[in-house]
Amino acid sequence: MNSSLKHIVLQLEDLTKQDISIGMGLDLLESSAKTRKDLIMINVMRDSLNEVLFEESQCLN
C-alpha cells in the first residue's frame, strides 16, 4: 500500500477510535492535507463512503 494512503488510513482509524465519525474524520484530514495527492486520496475515500452509504440506503427502501 502506498505510504501516504497507509498514513491517511491509520489517521482515520485513530480518529474513529476517538468517536469521531468517518465523515468528520475525512473533513479533518482534508483540512490538514499537505499534498494534492493526499487531498485526492481523501476525497476518493469520501466519494467511496458516500457511494456505499447511498447503495445501503437503496437496499433499505
Protein backbone atom coordinates (compact mmCIF):
# COMPACT_ATOMS: atom_id res chain seq x y z
CA MET A 1 0.00 0.00 0.00
CA ASN A 2 1.22 3.49 -0.82
CA SER A 3 2.80 5.05 2.29
CA SER A 4 0.65 8.20 2.00
CA LEU A 5 -2.51 6.13 1.76
CA LYS A 6 -1.44 3.94 4.65
CA HIS A 7 -0.77 7.03 6.76
CA ILE A 8 -4.19 8.50 5.92
CA VAL A 9 -5.94 5.23 6.76
CA LEU A 10 -4.12 4.99 10.10
CA GLN A 11 -5.04 8.59 10.94
CA LEU A 12 -8.68 7.93 10.06
CA GLU A 13 -8.67 4.78 12.21
CA ASP A 14 -7.26 6.77 15.13
CA LEU A 15 -9.94 9.43 14.73
CA THR A 16 -12.76 6.89 14.61
CA LYS A 17 -11.42 5.26 17.78
CA GLN A 18 -11.95 8.67 19.40
CA ASP A 19 -15.66 8.51 18.47
CA ILE A 20 -15.24 10.87 15.52
CA SER A 21 -17.42 9.87 12.58
CA ILE A 22 -15.75 8.81 9.35
CA GLY A 23 -17.20 11.85 7.58
CA MET A 24 -15.87 14.25 10.19
CA GLY A 25 -12.54 12.41 10.21
CA LEU A 26 -12.27 12.86 6.45
CA ASP A 27 -13.06 16.56 6.89
CA LEU A 28 -10.29 16.89 9.47
CA LEU A 29 -7.82 15.01 7.29
CA GLU A 30 -8.76 17.11 4.28
CA SER A 31 -8.15 20.33 6.17
CA SER A 32 -4.69 19.17 7.19
CA ALA A 33 -3.65 17.52 3.90
CA LYS A 34 -0.13 18.51 2.95
CA THR A 35 -0.12 17.49 -0.70
CA ARG A 36 -2.55 17.38 -3.59
CA LYS A 37 -2.04 13.64 -3.75
CA ASP A 38 -3.22 13.30 -0.13
CA LEU A 39 -6.17 15.57 -0.84
CA ILE A 40 -7.17 13.49 -3.85
CA MET A 41 -6.92 10.24 -1.86
CA ILE A 42 -9.03 11.67 0.95
CA ASN A 43 -11.69 12.82 -1.49
CA VAL A 44 -11.72 9.46 -3.26
CA MET A 45 -12.26 7.86 0.15
CA ARG A 46 -15.12 10.32 0.82
CA ASP A 47 -16.71 9.59 -2.56
CA SER A 48 -16.45 5.85 -1.91
CA LEU A 49 -18.03 6.24 1.51
CA ASN A 50 -20.89 8.28 0.07
CA GLU A 51 -21.44 5.68 -2.64
CA VAL A 52 -21.59 2.85 -0.11
CA LEU A 53 -23.99 4.81 2.10
CA PHE A 54 -26.20 5.61 -0.90
CA GLU A 55 -26.28 1.97 -2.00
CA GLU A 56 -27.05 0.89 1.54
CA SER A 57 -29.94 3.34 1.76
CA GLN A 58 -31.30 1.99 -1.55
CA CYS A 59 -31.26 -1.54 -0.16
CA LEU A 60 -33.24 -0.45 2.89
CA ASN A 61 -36.03 1.06 0.79
